[in-house]
């Protein structure tokens, strides 16, 4: 359980949202109600709501408080450094197909440390731009131990709190290190169909693997973005000798 009071409040509300007590569009308890329930200051209650807002779980309404988002967001694979949130880079998305246990490609199995032929849980999503056009196709692979411990990952709909929070809440294991490998290749026929592009089409591929505090892999995501949507900008200080 989180130690800080605002984290405890945020985690409690996150659980209640995940359990369906507060559905999409529903107003959450007011800051006054939270202050009375938790015996905290208004600033602490508001900070708890800002945590959920950064997670992409709630949206503010002037004079009315916060409500649960009606359209959940997701991020393309990668760029999950400390201090980032689902709101940063988050986009509307559509879940593709039904999650299922499959034998992953060899490079995914290697990233997850799986022996040949071992199945992992496959979940796919398509992030969308404002007009609903596909932006990136992402296939997420969860190792068998995570798949066994987290039954909601096997369901087809979105997980309101996000898979990272759900896995941490269910297993006690959260990401402390991520490795992103970016490459460029041509889209496969299945990827081109999902992304609604004609082949041959160059795509940027980000292979993101998240590890827990014991260096065990939690998930491996492969995000595929057509060249027309791919852009990377780095802004950094440089030394005089460089």
C-alpha atoms as a PDB file:
ATOM      1  CA  UNK A   1       0.000   0.000   0.000  1.00  0.00           C
ATOM      2  CA  UNK A   2       1.394   3.461  -0.841  1.00  0.00           C
ATOM      3  CA  UNK A   3       2.693   5.389   2.179  1.00  0.00           C
ATOM      4  CA  UNK A   4       1.744   8.946   1.262  1.00  0.00           C
ATOM      5  CA  UNK A   5      -1.845   9.939   1.947  1.00  0.00           C
ATOM      6  CA  UNK A   6      -2.581  11.291  -1.539  1.00  0.00           C
ATOM      7  CA  UNK A   7      -1.227   8.041  -3.036  1.00  0.00           C
ATOM      8  CA  UNK A   8      -3.511   6.027  -0.758  1.00  0.00           C
ATOM      9  CA  UNK A   9      -6.509   8.087  -1.865  1.00  0.00           C
ATOM     10  CA  UNK A  10      -5.571   7.745  -5.538  1.00  0.00           C
ATOM     11  CA  UNK A  11      -5.081   3.983  -5.188  1.00  0.00           C
ATOM     12  CA  UNK A  12      -8.438   3.601  -3.420  1.00  0.00           C
ATOM     13  CA  UNK A  13     -10.245   5.495  -6.187  1.00  0.00           C
ATOM     14  CA  UNK A  14      -8.335   3.555  -8.837  1.00  0.00           C
ATOM     15  CA  UNK A  15      -9.577   0.296  -7.335  1.00  0.00           C
ATOM     16  CA  UNK A  16     -13.168   1.545  -7.194  1.00  0.00           C
ATOM     17  CA  UNK A  17     -12.987   2.603 -10.855  1.00  0.00           C
ATOM     18  CA  UNK A  18     -11.453  -0.749 -11.820  1.00  0.00           C
ATOM     19  CA  UNK A  19     -14.204  -2.601  -9.938  1.00  0.00           C
ATOM     20  CA  UNK A  20     -16.895  -0.690 -11.833  1.00  0.00           C
ATOM     21  CA  UNK A  21     -18.209   1.399  -8.927  1.00  0.00           C
ATOM     22  CA  UNK A  22     -17.537   4.521 -10.989  1.00  0.00           C
ATOM     23  CA  UNK A  23     -18.241   4.025 -14.683  1.00  0.00           C
ATOM     24  CA  UNK A  24     -17.194   6.179 -17.665  1.00  0.00           C
ATOM     25  CA  UNK A  25     -18.483   9.736 -17.265  1.00  0.00           C
ATOM     26  CA  UNK A  26     -19.347   9.294 -13.580  1.00  0.00           C
ATOM     27  CA  UNK A  27     -18.400  12.079 -11.178  1.00  0.00           C
ATOM     28  CA  UNK A  28     -16.013  11.032  -8.421  1.00  0.00           C
ATOM     29  CA  UNK A  29     -16.391  12.100  -4.778  1.00  0.00           C
ATOM     30  CA  UNK A  30     -15.732  15.809  -4.315  1.00  0.00           C
ATOM     31  CA  UNK A  31     -12.574  17.099  -2.669  1.00  0.00           C
ATOM     32  CA  UNK A  32     -14.693  18.041   0.346  1.00  0.00           C
ATOM     33  CA  UNK A  33     -15.972  14.465   0.625  1.00  0.00           C
ATOM     34  CA  UNK A  34     -12.446  13.093   0.320  1.00  0.00           C
ATOM     35  CA  UNK A  35     -11.189  15.516   2.975  1.00  0.00           C
ATOM     36  CA  UNK A  36     -13.832  14.313   5.420  1.00  0.00           C
ATOM     37  CA  UNK A  37     -13.409  10.627   4.583  1.00  0.00           C
ATOM     38  CA  UNK A  38      -9.613  10.601   4.785  1.00  0.00           C
ATOM     39  CA  UNK A  39      -9.085  13.462   7.261  1.00  0.00           C
ATOM     40  CA  UNK A  40      -6.764  15.315   4.907  1.00  0.00           C
ATOM     41  CA  UNK A  41      -6.397  18.819   3.567  1.00  0.00           C
ATOM     42  CA  UNK A  42      -8.037  19.948   0.329  1.00  0.00           C
ATOM     43  CA  UNK A  43      -4.581  20.206  -1.251  1.00  0.00           C
ATOM     44  CA  UNK A  44      -3.965  16.514  -0.527  1.00  0.00           C
ATOM     45  CA  UNK A  45      -7.320  15.517  -2.038  1.00  0.00           C
ATOM     46  CA  UNK A  46      -6.634  17.563  -5.164  1.00  0.00           C
ATOM     47  CA  UNK A  47      -3.154  16.051  -5.479  1.00  0.00           C
ATOM     48  CA  UNK A  48      -4.720  12.563  -5.445  1.00  0.00           C
ATOM     49  CA  UNK A  49      -7.008  13.585  -8.299  1.00  0.00           C
ATOM     50  CA  UNK A  50      -4.074  14.995 -10.243  1.00  0.00           C
ATOM     51  CA  UNK A  51      -2.356  11.602  -9.959  1.00  0.00           C
ATOM     52  CA  UNK A  52      -5.395   9.970 -11.557  1.00  0.00           C
ATOM     53  CA  UNK A  53      -5.536  12.726 -14.159  1.00  0.00           C
ATOM     54  CA  UNK A  54      -1.912  12.050 -15.108  1.00  0.00           C
ATOM     55  CA  UNK A  55      -2.813   8.370 -15.450  1.00  0.00           C
ATOM     56  CA  UNK A  56      -5.494   9.298 -17.970  1.00  0.00           C
ATOM     57  CA  UNK A  57      -8.238   7.985 -15.677  1.00  0.00           C
ATOM     58  CA  UNK A  58     -10.147  11.183 -14.885  1.00  0.00           C
ATOM     59  CA  UNK A  59     -10.875  14.575 -16.429  1.00  0.00           C
ATOM     60  CA  UNK A  60     -11.648  17.852 -14.590  1.00  0.00           C
ATOM     61  CA  UNK A  61     -14.857  19.866 -14.954  1.00  0.00           C
ATOM     62  CA  UNK A  62     -14.995  23.501 -13.889  1.00  0.00           C
ATOM     63  CA  UNK A  63     -17.070  23.771 -10.731  1.00  0.00           C
ATOM     64  CA  UNK A  64     -18.081  20.088 -10.794  1.00  0.00           C
ATOM     65  CA  UNK A  65     -14.949  18.158  -9.856  1.00  0.00           C
ATOM     66  CA  UNK A  66     -13.546  15.150 -11.700  1.00  0.00           C
ATOM     67  CA  UNK A  67     -15.223  12.398 -13.695  1.00  0.00           C
ATOM     68  CA  UNK A  68     -14.004   9.077 -15.072  1.00  0.00           C
ATOM     69  CA  UNK A  69     -12.846   9.395 -18.689  1.00  0.00           C
ATOM     70  CA  UNK A  70     -15.285   8.164 -21.306  1.00  0.00           C
ATOM     71  CA  UNK A  71     -12.626   7.388 -23.917  1.00  0.00           C
ATOM     72  CA  UNK A  72      -9.520   5.748 -22.413  1.00  0.00           C
ATOM     73  CA  UNK A  73      -6.138   6.533 -23.923  1.00  0.00           C
ATOM     74  CA  UNK A  74      -3.033   4.482 -24.556  1.00  0.00           C
ATOM     75  CA  UNK A  75       0.489   5.256 -25.687  1.00  0.00           C
ATOM     76  CA  UNK A  76       2.447   3.747 -28.530  1.00  0.00           C
ATOM     77  CA  UNK A  77       5.234   1.413 -27.409  1.00  0.00           C
ATOM     78  CA  UNK A  78       8.324   2.854 -25.728  1.00  0.00           C
ATOM     79  CA  UNK A  79       9.237   6.164 -24.120  1.00  0.00           C
ATOM     80  CA  UNK A  80       8.046   5.119 -20.666  1.00  0.00           C
ATOM     81  CA  UNK A  81      10.710   6.885 -18.640  1.00  0.00           C
ATOM     82  CA  UNK A  82      10.183   7.913 -15.029  1.00  0.00           C
ATOM     83  CA  UNK A  83       7.993  10.985 -14.783  1.00  0.00           C
ATOM     84  CA  UNK A  84       6.002  10.249 -17.938  1.00  0.00           C
ATOM     85  CA  UNK A  85       2.292   9.440 -17.898  1.00  0.00           C
ATOM     86  CA  UNK A  86      -0.428   8.084 -20.145  1.00  0.00           C
ATOM     87  CA  UNK A  87      -1.615  11.640 -20.739  1.00  0.00           C
ATOM     88  CA  UNK A  88       1.761  12.513 -22.262  1.00  0.00           C
ATOM     89  CA  UNK A  89       1.609  10.988 -25.722  1.00  0.00           C
ATOM     90  CA  UNK A  90      -1.655   9.209 -24.930  1.00  0.00           C
ATOM     91  CA  UNK A  91      -4.079   8.698 -27.812  1.00  0.00           C
ATOM     92  CA  UNK A  92      -7.517   7.140 -28.277  1.00  0.00           C
ATOM     93  CA  UNK A  93      -7.169   3.480 -29.124  1.00  0.00           C
ATOM     94  CA  UNK A  94      -9.047   0.431 -30.290  1.00  0.00           C
ATOM     95  CA  UNK A  95      -8.453  -3.049 -28.950  1.00  0.00           C
ATOM     96  CA  UNK A  96      -7.904  -5.563 -31.736  1.00  0.00           C
ATOM     97  CA  UNK A  97      -9.159  -9.119 -31.539  1.00  0.00           C
ATOM     98  CA  UNK A  98      -9.300 -11.180 -28.363  1.00  0.00           C
ATOM     99  CA  UNK A  99      -6.294 -11.686 -26.078  1.00  0.00           C
ATOM    100  CA  UNK A 100      -4.952 -15.226 -26.377  1.00  0.00           C
ATOM    101  CA  UNK A 101      -2.014 -17.400 -25.411  1.00  0.00           C
ATOM    102  CA  UNK A 102       0.260 -17.757 -28.443  1.00  0.00           C
ATOM    103  CA  UNK A 103       3.828 -18.782 -29.188  1.00  0.00           C
ATOM    104  CA  UNK A 104       5.573 -15.418 -29.720  1.00  0.00           C
ATOM    105  CA  UNK A 105       8.105 -14.681 -32.473  1.00  0.00           C
ATOM    106  CA  UNK A 106      11.656 -15.600 -31.523  1.00  0.00           C
ATOM    107  CA  UNK A 107      12.754 -12.013 -30.832  1.00  0.00           C
ATOM    108  CA  UNK A 108       9.829 -11.536 -28.436  1.00  0.00           C
ATOM    109  CA  UNK A 109      10.583 -14.852 -26.712  1.00  0.00           C
ATOM    110  CA  UNK A 110      14.207 -13.780 -26.326  1.00  0.00           C
ATOM    111  CA  UNK A 111      13.177 -10.446 -24.797  1.00  0.00           C
ATOM    112  CA  UNK A 112      10.889 -12.241 -22.325  1.00  0.00           C
ATOM    113  CA  UNK A 113      13.466 -14.936 -21.568  1.00  0.00           C
ATOM    114  CA  UNK A 114      11.144 -17.721 -22.748  1.00  0.00           C
ATOM    115  CA  UNK A 115      12.186 -21.098 -24.110  1.00  0.00           C
ATOM    116  CA  UNK A 116      11.166 -21.993 -27.665  1.00  0.00           C
ATOM    117  CA  UNK A 117       7.532 -23.041 -27.905  1.00  0.00           C
ATOM    118  CA  UNK A 118       6.435 -21.458 -24.605  1.00  0.00           C
ATOM    119  CA  UNK A 119       3.256 -19.425 -24.982  1.00  0.00           C
ATOM    120  CA  UNK A 120       2.749 -15.833 -23.872  1.00  0.00           C
ATOM    121  CA  UNK A 121      -0.407 -13.739 -23.633  1.00  0.00           C
ATOM    122  CA  UNK A 122      -0.885 -11.613 -26.753  1.00  0.00           C
ATOM    123  CA  UNK A 123      -2.894  -8.357 -26.656  1.00  0.00           C
ATOM    124  CA  UNK A 124      -3.043  -5.956 -29.621  1.00  0.00           C
ATOM    125  CA  UNK A 125      -4.216  -2.369 -29.939  1.00  0.00           C
ATOM    126  CA  UNK A 126      -4.358   0.356 -32.538  1.00  0.00           C
ATOM    127  CA  UNK A 127      -3.753   3.946 -31.447  1.00  0.00           C
ATOM    128  CA  UNK A 128      -5.660   6.521 -33.459  1.00  0.00           C
ATOM    129  CA  UNK A 129      -5.228  10.129 -34.554  1.00  0.00           C
ATOM    130  CA  UNK A 130      -8.018  12.677 -34.133  1.00  0.00           C
ATOM    131  CA  UNK A 131      -9.959  11.690 -37.255  1.00  0.00           C
ATOM    132  CA  UNK A 132      -9.860   8.020 -36.286  1.00  0.00           C
ATOM    133  CA  UNK A 133      -7.120   7.014 -38.713  1.00  0.00           C
ATOM    134  CA  UNK A 134      -4.585   4.435 -37.476  1.00  0.00           C
ATOM    135  CA  UNK A 135      -1.415   5.874 -35.983  1.00  0.00           C
ATOM    136  CA  UNK A 136       0.444   2.837 -34.633  1.00  0.00           C
ATOM    137  CA  UNK A 137      -0.137  -0.879 -34.200  1.00  0.00           C
ATOM    138  CA  UNK A 138       1.144  -2.360 -30.937  1.00  0.00           C
ATOM    139  CA  UNK A 139       1.327  -6.003 -29.939  1.00  0.00           C
ATOM    140  CA  UNK A 140       1.876  -6.575 -26.219  1.00  0.00           C
ATOM    141  CA  UNK A 141       3.186  -9.915 -24.953  1.00  0.00           C
ATOM    142  CA  UNK A 142       2.924 -10.885 -21.278  1.00  0.00           C
ATOM    143  CA  UNK A 143       4.971 -13.812 -19.903  1.00  0.00           C
ATOM    144  CA  UNK A 144       3.062 -16.853 -18.585  1.00  0.00           C
ATOM    145  CA  UNK A 145       3.510 -16.006 -14.891  1.00  0.00           C
ATOM    146  CA  UNK A 146       1.933 -12.563 -15.397  1.00  0.00           C
ATOM    147  CA  UNK A 147      -0.826 -14.034 -17.562  1.00  0.00           C
ATOM    148  CA  UNK A 148      -1.722 -16.588 -14.886  1.00  0.00           C
ATOM    149  CA  UNK A 149      -1.823 -13.996 -12.103  1.00  0.00           C
ATOM    150  CA  UNK A 150      -3.804 -11.320 -13.979  1.00  0.00           C
ATOM    151  CA  UNK A 151      -7.089 -12.704 -15.322  1.00  0.00           C
ATOM    152  CA  UNK A 152      -8.368  -9.359 -16.567  1.00  0.00           C
ATOM    153  CA  UNK A 153      -5.579  -9.289 -19.147  1.00  0.00           C
ATOM    154  CA  UNK A 154      -7.433 -12.101 -20.920  1.00  0.00           C
ATOM    155  CA  UNK A 155     -10.537  -9.935 -21.444  1.00  0.00           C
ATOM    156  CA  UNK A 156     -11.047  -8.052 -24.674  1.00  0.00           C
ATOM    157  CA  UNK A 157     -12.015  -4.606 -23.388  1.00  0.00           C
ATOM    158  CA  UNK A 158      -9.701  -1.853 -22.180  1.00  0.00           C
ATOM    159  CA  UNK A 159      -8.491  -1.862 -18.579  1.00  0.00           C
ATOM    160  CA  UNK A 160      -9.447   1.582 -17.291  1.00  0.00           C
ATOM    161  CA  UNK A 161      -6.553   1.906 -14.866  1.00  0.00           C
ATOM    162  CA  UNK A 162      -4.051   0.720 -17.477  1.00  0.00           C
ATOM    163  CA  UNK A 163      -2.249  -2.619 -17.596  1.00  0.00           C
ATOM    164  CA  UNK A 164       0.781  -1.330 -15.669  1.00  0.00           C
ATOM    165  CA  UNK A 165      -1.292  -0.316 -12.626  1.00  0.00           C
ATOM    166  CA  UNK A 166      -3.392  -3.467 -12.863  1.00  0.00           C
ATOM    167  CA  UNK A 167      -0.371  -5.769 -12.960  1.00  0.00           C
ATOM    168  CA  UNK A 168       1.273  -3.911 -10.073  1.00  0.00           C
ATOM    169  CA  UNK A 169      -1.913  -3.988  -8.001  1.00  0.00           C
ATOM    170  CA  UNK A 170      -2.482  -7.692  -8.686  1.00  0.00           C
ATOM    171  CA  UNK A 171       1.056  -9.042  -8.427  1.00  0.00           C
ATOM    172  CA  UNK A 172       2.970  -6.397  -6.460  1.00  0.00           C
ATOM    173  CA  UNK A 173       5.416  -6.188  -9.376  1.00  0.00           C
ATOM    174  CA  UNK A 174       5.915  -2.877 -11.161  1.00  0.00           C
ATOM    175  CA  UNK A 175       8.333  -1.644 -13.830  1.00  0.00           C
ATOM    176  CA  UNK A 176      11.591  -0.126 -12.631  1.00  0.00           C
ATOM    177  CA  UNK A 177      13.577  -0.389 -15.865  1.00  0.00           C
ATOM    178  CA  UNK A 178      12.677  -0.252 -19.529  1.00  0.00           C
ATOM    179  CA  UNK A 179      14.666  -1.076 -22.643  1.00  0.00           C
ATOM    180  CA  UNK A 180      13.608   0.373 -26.017  1.00  0.00           C
ATOM    181  CA  UNK A 181      15.157  -0.841 -29.270  1.00  0.00           C
ATOM    182  CA  UNK A 182      14.175   1.130 -32.386  1.00  0.00           C
ATOM    183  CA  UNK A 183      14.623  -0.196 -35.911  1.00  0.00           C
ATOM    184  CA  UNK A 184      13.258   0.376 -39.408  1.00  0.00           C
ATOM    185  CA  UNK A 185      11.881  -2.243 -41.810  1.00  0.00           C
ATOM    186  CA  UNK A 186       9.034  -2.846 -44.241  1.00  0.00           C
ATOM    187  CA  UNK A 187       5.551  -3.517 -42.904  1.00  0.00           C
ATOM    188  CA  UNK A 188       4.218  -7.058 -43.012  1.00  0.00           C
ATOM    189  CA  UNK A 189       0.953  -7.699 -44.832  1.00  0.00           C
ATOM    190  CA  UNK A 190      -0.943  -7.955 -41.514  1.00  0.00           C
ATOM    191  CA  UNK A 191       0.594  -4.711 -40.199  1.00  0.00           C
ATOM    192  CA  UNK A 192      -0.193  -2.879 -43.459  1.00  0.00           C
ATOM    193  CA  UNK A 193      -3.806  -4.045 -43.211  1.00  0.00           C
ATOM    194  CA  UNK A 194      -4.143  -2.825 -39.610  1.00  0.00           C
ATOM    195  CA  UNK A 195      -2.488   0.502 -40.419  1.00  0.00           C
ATOM    196  CA  UNK A 196      -4.389   0.951 -43.703  1.00  0.00           C
ATOM    197  CA  UNK A 197      -1.258   1.558 -45.762  1.00  0.00           C
ATOM    198  CA  UNK A 198      -0.138   0.108 -49.062  1.00  0.00           C
ATOM    199  CA  UNK A 199       2.878  -2.138 -49.310  1.00  0.00           C
ATOM    200  CA  UNK A 200       5.755  -1.687 -49.579  1.00  0.00           C
ATOM    201  CA  UNK A 201       5.699   0.758 -46.683  1.00  0.00           C
ATOM    202  CA  UNK A 202       8.567   1.635 -44.347  1.00  0.00           C
ATOM    203  CA  UNK A 203       7.710   1.458 -40.643  1.00  0.00           C
ATOM    204  CA  UNK A 204       9.541   2.392 -37.471  1.00  0.00           C
ATOM    205  CA  UNK A 205       9.496  -0.437 -34.924  1.00  0.00           C
ATOM    206  CA  UNK A 206       9.985   0.121 -31.191  1.00  0.00           C
ATOM    207  CA  UNK A 207      10.571  -3.005 -29.119  1.00  0.00           C
ATOM    208  CA  UNK A 208       9.884  -2.058 -25.510  1.00  0.00           C
ATOM    209  CA  UNK A 209      10.572  -4.440 -22.624  1.00  0.00           C
ATOM    210  CA  UNK A 210       9.717  -3.542 -19.019  1.00  0.00           C
ATOM    211  CA  UNK A 211      11.462  -5.211 -16.070  1.00  0.00           C
ATOM    212  CA  UNK A 212      10.536  -5.365 -12.390  1.00  0.00           C
ATOM    213  CA  UNK A 213      12.756  -4.763  -9.380  1.00  0.00           C
ATOM    214  CA  UNK A 214      14.225  -8.267  -9.713  1.00  0.00           C
ATOM    215  CA  UNK A 215      15.010  -7.795 -13.421  1.00  0.00           C
ATOM    216  CA  UNK A 216      12.160 -10.119 -14.434  1.00  0.00           C
ATOM    217  CA  UNK A 217      10.329  -9.104 -17.624  1.00  0.00           C
ATOM    218  CA  UNK A 218       6.768  -7.889 -17.129  1.00  0.00           C
ATOM    219  CA  UNK A 219       5.796  -7.227 -20.742  1.00  0.00           C
ATOM    220  CA  UNK A 220       7.295  -6.839 -24.183  1.00  0.00           C
ATOM    221  CA  UNK A 221       5.556  -4.476 -26.606  1.00  0.00           C
ATOM    222  CA  UNK A 222       6.300  -4.146 -30.297  1.00  0.00           C
ATOM    223  CA  UNK A 223       4.972  -0.886 -31.704  1.00  0.00           C
ATOM    224  CA  UNK A 224       4.831  -0.332 -35.458  1.00  0.00           C
ATOM    225  CA  UNK A 225       4.358   3.188 -36.868  1.00  0.00           C
ATOM    226  CA  UNK A 226       4.243   4.093 -40.596  1.00  0.00           C
ATOM    227  CA  UNK A 227       6.983   6.447 -41.753  1.00  0.00           C
ATOM    228  CA  UNK A 228       4.453   9.234 -42.367  1.00  0.00           C
ATOM    229  CA  UNK A 229       3.579   9.371 -38.650  1.00  0.00           C
ATOM    230  CA  UNK A 230       7.006   8.668 -37.182  1.00  0.00           C
ATOM    231  CA  UNK A 231       8.968  11.554 -35.730  1.00  0.00           C
ATOM    232  CA  UNK A 232      11.537  11.772 -32.959  1.00  0.00           C
ATOM    233  CA  UNK A 233      12.851  14.985 -31.443  1.00  0.00           C
ATOM    234  CA  UNK A 234      15.648  15.181 -28.856  1.00  0.00           C
ATOM    235  CA  UNK A 235      16.402  18.484 -27.127  1.00  0.00           C
ATOM    236  CA  UNK A 236      19.478  18.370 -24.889  1.00  0.00           C
ATOM    237  CA  UNK A 237      22.378  20.393 -23.546  1.00  0.00           C
ATOM    238  CA  UNK A 238      25.824  20.013 -25.114  1.00  0.00           C
ATOM    239  CA  UNK A 239      29.256  20.505 -23.557  1.00  0.00           C
ATOM    240  CA  UNK A 240      31.723  23.016 -24.937  1.00  0.00           C
ATOM    241  CA  UNK A 241      34.158  20.265 -25.884  1.00  0.00           C
ATOM    242  CA  UNK A 242      31.609  18.374 -27.983  1.00  0.00           C
END
